[in-house]
Amino acid sequence: MHMKMMMAIWATLALFSQTAQAQIISQTPRPEIQNPEADTIEIIKPNAPIGSSRNSIKIPRTGALLFAGFDQNGDYSIDTSEVSTGIDTAFDRADKDASGILSLIELEAWRIAALGSENATPTNFTFAPNFARTVSRKQFTSVLSKIAEDLDKDDQGDLDGKISMSDLLKNYTPRRVRKGKGDNCIDRLRAVRREVEQQCRRQRGY
């Protein structure tokens, strides 16, 4: 009988000890686990939208669509021989009746097909100044050769004989329009740029 009472007392003490220990552990504040990577993670945000430089956007230069198609070997660079071949091919395609001279109708049709729009530069007047009614191969070549030279020049005005794809673009800063005074022309310019890029890809076959 005495032994049973002692065992009951020991069991009660053991249970009390476990309960007290569990309570102490539960009330003890847990140490904060430091995350060493938390201070090293950096969120990278673009400074400007793709295709733009702060307040300016990239738009095609004069003859960009045409000259992009002059790249024959697919290296995204147009050298002098490709320019020469491209100009000759362009004239032959424009000269529908193979007369060796372009009428203004032939020139207009070629400009729409090659430059993407009847409003694109160079204009009809550039090819046929002083209200001329026809354009010779020499005049046609002279106009496009001058454009090629302008595209080839770097910031210092030097020529290296190659026109890269980046040379076909230029920065343009749209005029800011106040809210309520008209729509924002930046969106319209971006839409035009996308359309020009798609036309360029179609001309290049991809």
C-alpha atoms as a PDB file:
ATOM      1  CA  MET A   1       0.000   0.000   0.000  1.00  0.00           C
ATOM      2  CA  HIS A   2       2.830   2.329   0.933  1.00  0.00           C
ATOM      3  CA  MET A   3       4.623   1.476  -2.320  1.00  0.00           C
ATOM      4  CA  LYS A   4       1.556   2.320  -4.419  1.00  0.00           C
ATOM      5  CA  MET A   5       1.240   5.748  -2.793  1.00  0.00           C
ATOM      6  CA  MET A   6       4.896   6.514  -3.454  1.00  0.00           C
ATOM      7  CA  MET A   7       4.553   5.556  -7.142  1.00  0.00           C
ATOM      8  CA  ALA A   8       1.467   7.767  -7.462  1.00  0.00           C
ATOM      9  CA  ILE A   9       3.331  10.717  -5.936  1.00  0.00           C
ATOM     10  CA  TRP A  10       6.315  10.205  -8.314  1.00  0.00           C
ATOM     11  CA  ALA A  11       4.006  10.032 -11.335  1.00  0.00           C
ATOM     12  CA  THR A  12       2.256  13.260 -10.265  1.00  0.00           C
ATOM     13  CA  LEU A  13       5.607  15.047  -9.801  1.00  0.00           C
ATOM     14  CA  ALA A  14       6.862  13.864 -13.233  1.00  0.00           C
ATOM     15  CA  LEU A  15       3.678  15.077 -14.931  1.00  0.00           C
ATOM     16  CA  PHE A  16       3.921  18.449 -13.163  1.00  0.00           C
ATOM     17  CA  SER A  17       7.586  18.785 -14.176  1.00  0.00           C
ATOM     18  CA  GLN A  18       6.806  18.117 -17.854  1.00  0.00           C
ATOM     19  CA  THR A  19       3.898  20.617 -17.832  1.00  0.00           C
ATOM     20  CA  ALA A  20       5.995  23.325 -16.195  1.00  0.00           C
ATOM     21  CA  GLN A  21       8.867  22.743 -18.644  1.00  0.00           C
ATOM     22  CA  ALA A  22       6.510  22.961 -21.635  1.00  0.00           C
ATOM     23  CA  GLN A  23       5.036  26.197 -20.282  1.00  0.00           C
ATOM     24  CA  ILE A  24       8.483  27.738 -19.827  1.00  0.00           C
ATOM     25  CA  ILE A  25       9.470  26.798 -23.388  1.00  0.00           C
ATOM     26  CA  SER A  26       6.257  28.199 -24.850  1.00  0.00           C
ATOM     27  CA  GLN A  27       6.732  31.515 -23.044  1.00  0.00           C
ATOM     28  CA  THR A  28      10.362  31.913 -24.006  1.00  0.00           C
ATOM     29  CA  PRO A  29      10.661  34.354 -26.978  1.00  0.00           C
ATOM     30  CA  ARG A  30      12.166  32.810 -30.078  1.00  0.00           C
ATOM     31  CA  PRO A  31      15.287  34.449 -31.464  1.00  0.00           C
ATOM     32  CA  GLU A  32      14.789  36.248 -34.771  1.00  0.00           C
ATOM     33  CA  ILE A  33      16.280  34.354 -37.702  1.00  0.00           C
ATOM     34  CA  GLN A  34      18.284  36.716 -39.839  1.00  0.00           C
ATOM     35  CA  ASN A  35      18.031  36.371 -43.603  1.00  0.00           C
ATOM     36  CA  PRO A  36      21.427  37.315 -45.012  1.00  0.00           C
ATOM     37  CA  GLU A  37      19.967  37.557 -48.524  1.00  0.00           C
ATOM     38  CA  ALA A  38      17.270  40.062 -47.551  1.00  0.00           C
ATOM     39  CA  ASP A  39      19.691  42.985 -47.653  1.00  0.00           C
ATOM     40  CA  THR A  40      21.432  41.811 -50.807  1.00  0.00           C
ATOM     41  CA  ILE A  41      18.400  41.411 -53.104  1.00  0.00           C
ATOM     42  CA  GLU A  42      18.088  44.347 -55.477  1.00  0.00           C
ATOM     43  CA  ILE A  43      15.022  44.989 -57.559  1.00  0.00           C
ATOM     44  CA  ILE A  44      16.140  46.077 -61.006  1.00  0.00           C
ATOM     45  CA  LYS A  45      13.827  48.534 -62.694  1.00  0.00           C
ATOM     46  CA  PRO A  46      14.331  49.814 -66.235  1.00  0.00           C
ATOM     47  CA  ASN A  47      15.191  53.489 -66.443  1.00  0.00           C
ATOM     48  CA  ALA A  48      13.241  53.902 -69.653  1.00  0.00           C
ATOM     49  CA  PRO A  49      10.941  51.825 -71.870  1.00  0.00           C
ATOM     50  CA  ILE A  50      12.579  49.608 -74.447  1.00  0.00           C
ATOM     51  CA  GLY A  51      13.170  51.506 -77.668  1.00  0.00           C
ATOM     52  CA  SER A  52      13.235  54.860 -75.936  1.00  0.00           C
ATOM     53  CA  SER A  53      15.836  57.022 -74.273  1.00  0.00           C
ATOM     54  CA  ARG A  54      14.158  58.923 -71.456  1.00  0.00           C
ATOM     55  CA  ASN A  55      11.922  61.386 -73.307  1.00  0.00           C
ATOM     56  CA  SER A  56      12.933  60.363 -76.839  1.00  0.00           C
ATOM     57  CA  ILE A  57      12.073  57.365 -79.003  1.00  0.00           C
ATOM     58  CA  LYS A  58      13.756  55.668 -81.956  1.00  0.00           C
ATOM     59  CA  ILE A  59      12.221  56.226 -85.376  1.00  0.00           C
ATOM     60  CA  PRO A  60      13.397  55.200 -88.883  1.00  0.00           C
ATOM     61  CA  ARG A  61      15.584  57.579 -90.840  1.00  0.00           C
ATOM     62  CA  THR A  62      15.056  58.482 -94.488  1.00  0.00           C
ATOM     63  CA  GLY A  63      15.175  55.341 -96.664  1.00  0.00           C
ATOM     64  CA  ALA A  64      15.488  52.992 -93.657  1.00  0.00           C
ATOM     65  CA  LEU A  65      13.104  50.340 -95.006  1.00  0.00           C
ATOM     66  CA  LEU A  66      14.747  50.358 -98.423  1.00  0.00           C
ATOM     67  CA  PHE A  67      18.334  50.151 -97.194  1.00  0.00           C
ATOM     68  CA  ALA A  68      17.543  47.420 -94.663  1.00  0.00           C
ATOM     69  CA  GLY A  69      16.571  45.259 -97.626  1.00  0.00           C
ATOM     70  CA  PHE A  70      19.973  45.853 -99.268  1.00  0.00           C
ATOM     71  CA  ASP A  71      21.657  43.507 -96.749  1.00  0.00           C
ATOM     72  CA  GLN A  72      22.299  40.486 -98.944  1.00  0.00           C
ATOM     73  CA  ASN A  73      24.431  38.252 -96.676  1.00  0.00           C
ATOM     74  CA  GLY A  74      22.353  38.659 -93.515  1.00  0.00           C
ATOM     75  CA  ASP A  75      25.085  40.201 -91.351  1.00  0.00           C
ATOM     76  CA  TYR A  76      22.873  43.190 -90.427  1.00  0.00           C
ATOM     77  CA  SER A  77      25.326  45.553 -92.092  1.00  0.00           C
ATOM     78  CA  ILE A  78      25.188  47.116 -95.560  1.00  0.00           C
ATOM     79  CA  ASP A  79      28.531  47.710 -97.267  1.00  0.00           C
ATOM     80  CA  THR A  80      29.232  49.809-100.368  1.00  0.00           C
ATOM     81  CA  SER A  81      28.886  46.905-102.790  1.00  0.00           C
ATOM     82  CA  GLU A  82      25.494  45.970-101.330  1.00  0.00           C
ATOM     83  CA  VAL A  83      24.396  49.601-101.595  1.00  0.00           C
ATOM     84  CA  SER A  84      25.414  49.736-105.256  1.00  0.00           C
ATOM     85  CA  THR A  85      23.706  46.434-106.071  1.00  0.00           C
ATOM     86  CA  GLY A  86      20.623  47.410-104.113  1.00  0.00           C
ATOM     87  CA  ILE A  87      20.221  50.731-105.919  1.00  0.00           C
ATOM     88  CA  ASP A  88      20.546  49.086-109.344  1.00  0.00           C
ATOM     89  CA  THR A  89      17.990  46.438-108.372  1.00  0.00           C
ATOM     90  CA  ALA A  90      15.625  49.092-107.009  1.00  0.00           C
ATOM     91  CA  PHE A  91      15.708  51.044-110.276  1.00  0.00           C
ATOM     92  CA  ASP A  92      15.096  47.912-112.345  1.00  0.00           C
ATOM     93  CA  ARG A  93      12.074  47.037-110.195  1.00  0.00           C
ATOM     94  CA  ALA A  94      10.713  50.566-110.452  1.00  0.00           C
ATOM     95  CA  ASP A  95      11.190  50.670-114.233  1.00  0.00           C
ATOM     96  CA  LYS A  96       8.170  48.515-115.089  1.00  0.00           C
ATOM     97  CA  ASP A  97       8.332  49.110-118.833  1.00  0.00           C
ATOM     98  CA  ALA A  98      12.133  48.669-118.955  1.00  0.00           C
ATOM     99  CA  SER A  99      12.526  51.994-120.737  1.00  0.00           C
ATOM    100  CA  GLY A 100      15.555  53.066-118.710  1.00  0.00           C
ATOM    101  CA  ILE A 101      13.639  56.115-117.451  1.00  0.00           C
ATOM    102  CA  LEU A 102      11.104  56.326-114.637  1.00  0.00           C
ATOM    103  CA  SER A 103       7.851  58.153-115.144  1.00  0.00           C
ATOM    104  CA  LEU A 104       6.359  59.887-112.131  1.00  0.00           C
ATOM    105  CA  ILE A 105       3.703  57.152-111.970  1.00  0.00           C
ATOM    106  CA  GLU A 106       6.383  54.467-111.860  1.00  0.00           C
ATOM    107  CA  LEU A 107       8.330  56.450-109.268  1.00  0.00           C
ATOM    108  CA  GLU A 108       5.260  56.928-107.068  1.00  0.00           C
ATOM    109  CA  ALA A 109       4.360  53.232-107.216  1.00  0.00           C
ATOM    110  CA  TRP A 110       7.944  52.277-106.358  1.00  0.00           C
ATOM    111  CA  ARG A 111       8.097  54.696-103.419  1.00  0.00           C
ATOM    112  CA  ILE A 112       4.915  53.265-101.905  1.00  0.00           C
ATOM    113  CA  ALA A 113       6.217  49.698-102.297  1.00  0.00           C
ATOM    114  CA  ALA A 114       9.826  50.288-101.220  1.00  0.00           C
ATOM    115  CA  LEU A 115       9.518  53.104 -98.692  1.00  0.00           C
ATOM    116  CA  GLY A 116       6.214  52.034 -97.162  1.00  0.00           C
ATOM    117  CA  SER A 117       4.132  55.143 -97.835  1.00  0.00           C
ATOM    118  CA  GLU A 118       3.489  57.831-100.424  1.00  0.00           C
ATOM    119  CA  ASN A 119       4.381  60.344 -97.700  1.00  0.00           C
ATOM    120  CA  ALA A 120       7.755  58.785 -96.925  1.00  0.00           C
ATOM    121  CA  THR A 121      11.018  60.482 -97.803  1.00  0.00           C
ATOM    122  CA  PRO A 122      12.701  60.892-100.233  1.00  0.00           C
ATOM    123  CA  THR A 123       9.750  62.464-102.007  1.00  0.00           C
ATOM    124  CA  ASN A 124       8.994  62.577-105.719  1.00  0.00           C
ATOM    125  CA  PHE A 125      10.346  66.104-105.838  1.00  0.00           C
ATOM    126  CA  THR A 126      13.698  64.896-104.435  1.00  0.00           C
ATOM    127  CA  PHE A 127      14.064  62.531-107.393  1.00  0.00           C
ATOM    128  CA  ALA A 128      12.521  64.902-109.930  1.00  0.00           C
ATOM    129  CA  PRO A 129      13.263  68.517-108.932  1.00  0.00           C
ATOM    130  CA  ASN A 130      12.070  71.517-110.893  1.00  0.00           C
ATOM    131  CA  PHE A 131       8.882  69.675-111.845  1.00  0.00           C
ATOM    132  CA  ALA A 132      10.686  67.191-114.088  1.00  0.00           C
ATOM    133  CA  ARG A 133       8.387  64.539-115.522  1.00  0.00           C
ATOM    134  CA  THR A 134      10.885  61.695-115.652  1.00  0.00           C
ATOM    135  CA  VAL A 135      13.781  60.357-113.574  1.00  0.00           C
ATOM    136  CA  SER A 136      16.898  58.888-115.143  1.00  0.00           C
ATOM    137  CA  ARG A 137      18.922  56.043-113.677  1.00  0.00           C
ATOM    138  CA  LYS A 138      21.721  58.532-112.971  1.00  0.00           C
ATOM    139  CA  GLN A 139      19.427  60.856-111.002  1.00  0.00           C
ATOM    140  CA  PHE A 140      17.843  57.926-109.155  1.00  0.00           C
ATOM    141  CA  THR A 141      21.279  56.577-108.219  1.00  0.00           C
ATOM    142  CA  SER A 142      22.526  60.010-107.164  1.00  0.00           C
ATOM    143  CA  VAL A 143      19.639  60.544-104.712  1.00  0.00           C
ATOM    144  CA  LEU A 144      19.957  57.140-103.057  1.00  0.00           C
ATOM    145  CA  SER A 145      23.767  57.336-102.967  1.00  0.00           C
ATOM    146  CA  LYS A 146      23.513  60.628-101.100  1.00  0.00           C
ATOM    147  CA  ILE A 147      21.171  59.028 -98.562  1.00  0.00           C
ATOM    148  CA  ALA A 148      23.589  56.095 -98.165  1.00  0.00           C
ATOM    149  CA  GLU A 149      26.406  58.541 -97.475  1.00  0.00           C
ATOM    150  CA  ASP A 150      24.354  60.313 -94.812  1.00  0.00           C
ATOM    151  CA  LEU A 151      23.494  57.000 -93.153  1.00  0.00           C
ATOM    152  CA  ASP A 152      27.136  55.917 -93.205  1.00  0.00           C
ATOM    153  CA  LYS A 153      28.464  59.014 -91.438  1.00  0.00           C
ATOM    154  CA  ASP A 154      29.255  58.685 -87.748  1.00  0.00           C
ATOM    155  CA  ASP A 155      29.025  61.423 -85.118  1.00  0.00           C
ATOM    156  CA  GLN A 156      32.272  62.941 -86.414  1.00  0.00           C
ATOM    157  CA  GLY A 157      31.074  62.882 -90.020  1.00  0.00           C
ATOM    158  CA  ASP A 158      33.506  60.109 -91.031  1.00  0.00           C
ATOM    159  CA  LEU A 159      32.622  57.303 -93.438  1.00  0.00           C
ATOM    160  CA  ASP A 160      33.527  53.671 -92.736  1.00  0.00           C
ATOM    161  CA  GLY A 161      31.813  52.107 -95.753  1.00  0.00           C
ATOM    162  CA  LYS A 162      29.210  50.222 -93.701  1.00  0.00           C
ATOM    163  CA  ILE A 163      25.668  51.020 -92.614  1.00  0.00           C
ATOM    164  CA  SER A 164      24.571  49.142 -89.502  1.00  0.00           C
ATOM    165  CA  MET A 165      20.945  48.590 -88.550  1.00  0.00           C
ATOM    166  CA  SER A 166      21.330  51.090 -85.720  1.00  0.00           C
ATOM    167  CA  ASP A 167      22.371  53.694 -88.312  1.00  0.00           C
ATOM    168  CA  LEU A 168      18.905  53.374 -89.818  1.00  0.00           C
ATOM    169  CA  LEU A 169      17.322  54.796 -86.660  1.00  0.00           C
ATOM    170  CA  LYS A 170      17.428  58.182 -85.014  1.00  0.00           C
ATOM    171  CA  ASN A 171      16.266  59.752 -81.776  1.00  0.00           C
ATOM    172  CA  TYR A 172      13.102  61.780 -81.833  1.00  0.00           C
ATOM    173  CA  THR A 173      11.698  63.782 -78.922  1.00  0.00           C
ATOM    174  CA  PRO A 174       7.945  64.263 -79.321  1.00  0.00           C
ATOM    175  CA  ARG A 175       6.393  67.552 -78.374  1.00  0.00           C
ATOM    176  CA  ARG A 176       4.647  67.298 -75.026  1.00  0.00           C
ATOM    177  CA  VAL A 177       0.907  67.758 -75.081  1.00  0.00           C
ATOM    178  CA  ARG A 178      -0.915  68.993 -72.008  1.00  0.00           C
ATOM    179  CA  LYS A 179      -3.730  66.876 -70.688  1.00  0.00           C
ATOM    180  CA  GLY A 180      -7.022  67.962 -72.100  1.00  0.00           C
ATOM    181  CA  LYS A 181      -5.334  69.722 -75.029  1.00  0.00           C
ATOM    182  CA  GLY A 182      -5.142  66.713 -77.324  1.00  0.00           C
ATOM    183  CA  ASP A 183      -3.919  63.131 -77.366  1.00  0.00           C
ATOM    184  CA  ASN A 184      -0.370  62.075 -76.606  1.00  0.00           C
ATOM    185  CA  CYS A 185       1.543  61.668 -79.858  1.00  0.00           C
ATOM    186  CA  ILE A 186       4.096  59.281 -78.275  1.00  0.00           C
ATOM    187  CA  ASP A 187       1.661  56.369 -78.528  1.00  0.00           C
ATOM    188  CA  ARG A 188       0.956  57.184 -82.173  1.00  0.00           C
ATOM    189  CA  LEU A 189       4.660  57.343 -82.962  1.00  0.00           C
ATOM    190  CA  ARG A 190       5.261  54.010 -81.273  1.00  0.00           C
ATOM    191  CA  ALA A 191       2.453  52.495 -83.319  1.00  0.00           C
ATOM    192  CA  VAL A 192       4.042  53.844 -86.497  1.00  0.00           C
ATOM    193  CA  ARG A 193       7.409  52.464 -85.442  1.00  0.00           C
ATOM    194  CA  ARG A 194       5.910  49.012 -84.863  1.00  0.00           C
ATOM    195  CA  GLU A 195       4.278  49.147 -88.284  1.00  0.00           C
ATOM    196  CA  VAL A 196       7.573  50.107 -89.932  1.00  0.00           C
ATOM    197  CA  GLU A 197       9.419  47.299 -88.123  1.00  0.00           C
ATOM    198  CA  GLN A 198       6.818  44.785 -89.308  1.00  0.00           C
ATOM    199  CA  GLN A 199       7.143  46.017 -92.890  1.00  0.00           C
ATOM    200  CA  CYS A 200      10.919  45.711 -92.631  1.00  0.00           C
ATOM    201  CA  ARG A 201      10.649  42.123 -91.388  1.00  0.00           C
ATOM    202  CA  ARG A 202       8.268  41.237 -94.202  1.00  0.00           C
ATOM    203  CA  GLN A 203      10.712  42.676 -96.770  1.00  0.00           C
ATOM    204  CA  ARG A 204      13.544  40.651 -95.244  1.00  0.00           C
ATOM    205  CA  GLY A 205      11.456  37.484 -95.248  1.00  0.00           C
ATOM    206  CA  TYR A 206      10.932  36.871 -91.514  1.00  0.00           C
END
